[in-house]
């Protein structure tokens, strides 16, 4: 019975970890989003400015 209890506790810890892990990036996104400039500042992008043409 002790082995079954240990397995149940381990499964519970993994389930809680899987539920909590995605919450951290989602919480950070709400504070990071207002810092982004929309639309992008003209000339600030590095897309299409390669010198390897």
PDB file of N, CA and C in Angstrom:
ATOM      1  N   UNK A   1       0.826  -1.203   0.000  1.00  0.00           N
ATOM      2  CA  UNK A   1       0.000   0.000   0.000  1.00  0.00           C
ATOM      3  C   UNK A   1       0.865   1.260   0.000  1.00  0.00           C
ATOM      4  N   UNK A   2       2.007   1.185   0.633  1.00  0.00           N
ATOM      5  CA  UNK A   2       2.873   2.354   0.702  1.00  0.00           C
ATOM      6  C   UNK A   2       3.381   2.743  -0.687  1.00  0.00           C
ATOM      7  N   UNK A   3       3.703   1.747  -1.520  1.00  0.00           N
ATOM      8  CA  UNK A   3       4.179   2.024  -2.871  1.00  0.00           C
ATOM      9  C   UNK A   3       3.091   2.716  -3.696  1.00  0.00           C
ATOM     10  N   UNK A   4       1.856   2.307  -3.519  1.00  0.00           N
ATOM     11  CA  UNK A   4       0.746   2.931  -4.234  1.00  0.00           C
ATOM     12  C   UNK A   4       0.542   4.376  -3.812  1.00  0.00           C
ATOM     13  N   UNK A   5       0.734   4.654  -2.535  1.00  0.00           N
ATOM     14  CA  UNK A   5       0.595   6.020  -2.035  1.00  0.00           C
ATOM     15  C   UNK A   5       1.701   6.907  -2.600  1.00  0.00           C
ATOM     16  N   UNK A   6       2.914   6.376  -2.671  1.00  0.00           N
ATOM     17  CA  UNK A   6       4.029   7.145  -3.221  1.00  0.00           C
ATOM     18  C   UNK A   6       3.784   7.467  -4.693  1.00  0.00           C
ATOM     19  N   UNK A   7       3.249   6.502  -5.429  1.00  0.00           N
ATOM     20  CA  UNK A   7       2.941   6.743  -6.841  1.00  0.00           C
ATOM     21  C   UNK A   7       1.848   7.800  -6.988  1.00  0.00           C
ATOM     22  N   UNK A   8       0.860   7.751  -6.131  1.00  0.00           N
ATOM     23  CA  UNK A   8      -0.234   8.720  -6.197  1.00  0.00           C
ATOM     24  C   UNK A   8       0.264  10.126  -5.887  1.00  0.00           C
ATOM     25  N   UNK A   9       1.138  10.239  -4.896  1.00  0.00           N
ATOM     26  CA  UNK A   9       1.699  11.546  -4.541  1.00  0.00           C
ATOM     27  C   UNK A   9       2.568  12.071  -5.679  1.00  0.00           C
ATOM     28  N   UNK A  10       3.369  11.201  -6.283  1.00  0.00           N
ATOM     29  CA  UNK A  10       4.220  11.618  -7.401  1.00  0.00           C
ATOM     30  C   UNK A  10       3.367  12.086  -8.581  1.00  0.00           C
ATOM     31  N   UNK A  11       2.299  11.378  -8.866  1.00  0.00           N
ATOM     32  CA  UNK A  11       1.413  11.772  -9.963  1.00  0.00           C
ATOM     33  C   UNK A  11       0.743  13.111  -9.671  1.00  0.00           C
ATOM     34  N   UNK A  12       0.374  13.325  -8.426  1.00  0.00           N
ATOM     35  CA  UNK A  12      -0.253  14.586  -8.039  1.00  0.00           C
ATOM     36  C   UNK A  12       0.722  15.750  -8.191  1.00  0.00           C
ATOM     37  N   UNK A  13       1.964  15.544  -7.775  1.00  0.00           N
ATOM     38  CA  UNK A  13       2.983  16.597  -7.899  1.00  0.00           C
ATOM     39  C   UNK A  13       3.222  16.926  -9.371  1.00  0.00           C
ATOM     40  N   UNK A  14       3.297  15.907 -10.220  1.00  0.00           N
ATOM     41  CA  UNK A  14       3.498  16.154 -11.650  1.00  0.00           C
ATOM     42  C   UNK A  14       2.310  16.891 -12.264  1.00  0.00           C
ATOM     43  N   UNK A  15       1.113  16.533 -11.857  1.00  0.00           N
ATOM     44  CA  UNK A  15      -0.078  17.191 -12.389  1.00  0.00           C
ATOM     45  C   UNK A  15      -0.138  18.655 -11.968  1.00  0.00           C
ATOM     46  N   UNK A  16       0.203  18.920 -10.724  1.00  0.00           N
ATOM     47  CA  UNK A  16       0.204  20.311 -10.242  1.00  0.00           C
ATOM     48  C   UNK A  16       1.281  21.111 -10.966  1.00  0.00           C
ATOM     49  N   UNK A  17       2.456  20.507 -11.144  1.00  0.00           N
ATOM     50  CA  UNK A  17       3.535  21.182 -11.872  1.00  0.00           C
ATOM     51  C   UNK A  17       3.149  21.500 -13.304  1.00  0.00           C
ATOM     52  N   UNK A  18       2.468  20.576 -13.957  1.00  0.00           N
ATOM     53  CA  UNK A  18       2.038  20.801 -15.341  1.00  0.00           C
ATOM     54  C   UNK A  18       0.977  21.891 -15.425  1.00  0.00           C
ATOM     55  N   UNK A  19       0.175  22.022 -14.396  1.00  0.00           N
ATOM     56  CA  UNK A  19      -0.869  23.048 -14.399  1.00  0.00           C
ATOM     57  C   UNK A  19      -0.305  24.426 -14.078  1.00  0.00           C
ATOM     58  N   UNK A  20       0.715  24.484 -13.247  1.00  0.00           N
ATOM     59  CA  UNK A  20       1.277  25.766 -12.810  1.00  0.00           C
ATOM     60  C   UNK A  20       2.287  26.307 -13.817  1.00  0.00           C
ATOM     61  N   UNK A  21       3.029  25.451 -14.500  1.00  0.00           N
ATOM     62  CA  UNK A  21       4.092  25.890 -15.407  1.00  0.00           C
ATOM     63  C   UNK A  21       3.597  26.829 -16.506  1.00  0.00           C
ATOM     64  N   UNK A  22       2.489  26.555 -17.195  1.00  0.00           N
ATOM     65  CA  UNK A  22       2.048  27.489 -18.235  1.00  0.00           C
ATOM     66  C   UNK A  22       1.543  28.827 -17.690  1.00  0.00           C
ATOM     67  N   UNK A  23       1.250  28.911 -16.419  1.00  0.00           N
ATOM     68  CA  UNK A  23       0.724  30.154 -15.856  1.00  0.00           C
ATOM     69  C   UNK A  23       1.797  31.235 -15.782  1.00  0.00           C
ATOM     70  N   UNK A  24       3.055  30.873 -15.604  1.00  0.00           N
ATOM     71  CA  UNK A  24       4.121  31.863 -15.467  1.00  0.00           C
ATOM     72  C   UNK A  24       4.325  32.678 -16.745  1.00  0.00           C
ATOM     73  N   UNK A  25       4.485  32.060 -17.926  1.00  0.00           N
ATOM     74  CA  UNK A  25       4.629  32.882 -19.134  1.00  0.00           C
ATOM     75  C   UNK A  25       3.383  33.708 -19.443  1.00  0.00           C
ATOM     76  N   UNK A  26       2.216  33.185 -19.152  1.00  0.00           N
ATOM     77  CA  UNK A  26       0.989  33.934 -19.417  1.00  0.00           C
ATOM     78  C   UNK A  26       0.911  35.172 -18.533  1.00  0.00           C
ATOM     79  N   UNK A  27       1.345  35.055 -17.301  1.00  0.00           N
ATOM     80  CA  UNK A  27       1.335  36.205 -16.400  1.00  0.00           C
ATOM     81  C   UNK A  27       2.368  37.239 -16.834  1.00  0.00           C
ATOM     82  N   UNK A  28       3.504  36.797 -17.328  1.00  0.00           N
ATOM     83  CA  UNK A  28       4.541  37.725 -17.768  1.00  0.00           C
ATOM     84  C   UNK A  28       4.111  38.460 -19.033  1.00  0.00           C
ATOM     85  N   UNK A  29       3.311  37.811 -19.866  1.00  0.00           N
ATOM     86  CA  UNK A  29       2.907  38.428 -21.129  1.00  0.00           C
ATOM     87  C   UNK A  29       2.057  39.676 -20.910  1.00  0.00           C
ATOM     88  N   UNK A  30       1.220  39.673 -19.903  1.00  0.00           N
ATOM     89  CA  UNK A  30       0.366  40.842 -19.687  1.00  0.00           C
ATOM     90  C   UNK A  30       1.180  42.064 -19.292  1.00  0.00           C
ATOM     91  N   UNK A  31       2.316  41.884 -18.647  1.00  0.00           N
ATOM     92  CA  UNK A  31       3.142  43.031 -18.283  1.00  0.00           C
ATOM     93  C   UNK A  31       4.090  43.406 -19.408  1.00  0.00           C
ATOM     94  N   UNK A  32       4.455  42.462 -20.263  1.00  0.00           N
ATOM     95  CA  UNK A  32       5.404  42.757 -21.332  1.00  0.00           C
ATOM     96  C   UNK A  32       4.719  43.370 -22.549  1.00  0.00           C
ATOM     97  N   UNK A  33       3.462  43.059 -22.782  1.00  0.00           N
ATOM     98  CA  UNK A  33       2.777  43.514 -23.984  1.00  0.00           C
ATOM     99  C   UNK A  33       2.694  45.032 -24.117  1.00  0.00           C
ATOM    100  N   UNK A  34       2.385  45.790 -23.045  1.00  0.00           N
ATOM    101  CA  UNK A  34       2.301  47.245 -23.217  1.00  0.00           C
ATOM    102  C   UNK A  34       3.623  47.905 -23.596  1.00  0.00           C
ATOM    103  N   UNK A  35       4.759  47.244 -23.413  1.00  0.00           N
ATOM    104  CA  UNK A  35       6.051  47.829 -23.735  1.00  0.00           C
ATOM    105  C   UNK A  35       6.362  47.772 -25.224  1.00  0.00           C
ATOM    106  N   UNK A  36       5.628  46.984 -25.978  1.00  0.00           N
ATOM    107  CA  UNK A  36       5.876  46.839 -27.403  1.00  0.00           C
ATOM    108  C   UNK A  36       5.296  48.032 -28.147  1.00  0.00           C
ATOM    109  N   UNK A  37       6.008  48.493 -29.137  1.00  0.00           N
ATOM    110  CA  UNK A  37       5.560  49.645 -29.915  1.00  0.00           C
ATOM    111  C   UNK A  37       4.806  49.136 -31.140  1.00  0.00           C
ATOM    112  N   UNK A  38       3.547  49.531 -31.286  1.00  0.00           N
ATOM    113  CA  UNK A  38       2.739  49.180 -32.455  1.00  0.00           C
ATOM    114  C   UNK A  38       2.266  50.458 -33.120  1.00  0.00           C
ATOM    115  N   UNK A  39       2.398  50.683 -34.372  1.00  0.00           N
ATOM    116  CA  UNK A  39       3.182  49.878 -35.305  1.00  0.00           C
ATOM    117  C   UNK A  39       4.667  50.067 -35.051  1.00  0.00           C
ATOM    118  N   UNK A  40       5.512  49.208 -35.611  1.00  0.00           N
ATOM    119  CA  UNK A  40       6.956  49.337 -35.370  1.00  0.00           C
ATOM    120  C   UNK A  40       7.487  50.687 -35.856  1.00  0.00           C
ATOM    121  N   UNK A  41       8.482  51.162 -35.191  1.00  0.00           N
ATOM    122  CA  UNK A  41       9.106  52.426 -35.590  1.00  0.00           C
ATOM    123  C   UNK A  41       9.791  52.215 -36.940  1.00  0.00           C
ATOM    124  N   UNK A  42       9.596  53.136 -37.865  1.00  0.00           N
ATOM    125  CA  UNK A  42      10.163  52.986 -39.205  1.00  0.00           C
ATOM    126  C   UNK A  42      11.690  52.920 -39.134  1.00  0.00           C
ATOM    127  N   UNK A  43      12.262  51.926 -39.799  1.00  0.00           N
ATOM    128  CA  UNK A  43      13.708  51.773 -39.835  1.00  0.00           C
ATOM    129  C   UNK A  43      14.276  50.994 -38.664  1.00  0.00           C
ATOM    130  N   UNK A  44      13.431  50.583 -37.724  1.00  0.00           N
ATOM    131  CA  UNK A  44      13.946  49.862 -36.565  1.00  0.00           C
ATOM    132  C   UNK A  44      14.053  48.367 -36.809  1.00  0.00           C
ATOM    133  N   UNK A  45      13.413  47.879 -37.865  1.00  0.00           N
ATOM    134  CA  UNK A  45      13.404  46.448 -38.128  1.00  0.00           C
ATOM    135  C   UNK A  45      14.667  46.029 -38.860  1.00  0.00           C
ATOM    136  N   UNK A  46      15.135  44.824 -38.561  1.00  0.00           N
ATOM    137  CA  UNK A  46      16.301  44.289 -39.263  1.00  0.00           C
ATOM    138  C   UNK A  46      15.875  43.372 -40.399  1.00  0.00           C
ATOM    139  N   UNK A  47      14.564  43.192 -40.602  1.00  0.00           N
ATOM    140  CA  UNK A  47      14.076  42.330 -41.680  1.00  0.00           C
ATOM    141  C   UNK A  47      14.345  42.993 -43.027  1.00  0.00           C
ATOM    142  N   UNK A  48      14.913  42.242 -43.932  1.00  0.00           N
ATOM    143  CA  UNK A  48      15.131  42.736 -45.285  1.00  0.00           C
ATOM    144  C   UNK A  48      16.293  43.694 -45.407  1.00  0.00           C
ATOM    145  N   UNK A  49      17.128  43.821 -44.396  1.00  0.00           N
ATOM    146  CA  UNK A  49      18.259  44.746 -44.464  1.00  0.00           C
ATOM    147  C   UNK A  49      19.574  43.994 -44.561  1.00  0.00           C
ATOM    148  N   UNK A  50      19.522  42.763 -45.052  1.00  0.00           N
ATOM    149  CA  UNK A  50      20.726  41.950 -45.152  1.00  0.00           C
ATOM    150  C   UNK A  50      21.664  42.526 -46.203  1.00  0.00           C
ATOM    151  N   UNK A  51      22.959  42.445 -45.945  1.00  0.00           N
ATOM    152  CA  UNK A  51      23.960  42.927 -46.896  1.00  0.00           C
ATOM    153  C   UNK A  51      24.432  41.807 -47.809  1.00  0.00           C
ATOM    154  N   UNK A  52      23.804  40.635 -47.730  1.00  0.00           N
ATOM    155  CA  UNK A  52      24.215  39.483 -48.533  1.00  0.00           C
ATOM    156  C   UNK A  52      23.436  39.392 -49.845  1.00  0.00           C
ATOM    157  N   UNK A  53      22.979  40.479 -50.385  1.00  0.00           N
ATOM    158  CA  UNK A  53      22.187  40.458 -51.622  1.00  0.00           C
ATOM    159  C   UNK A  53      23.047  40.298 -52.831  1.00  0.00           C
TER     160      UNK A  53
END
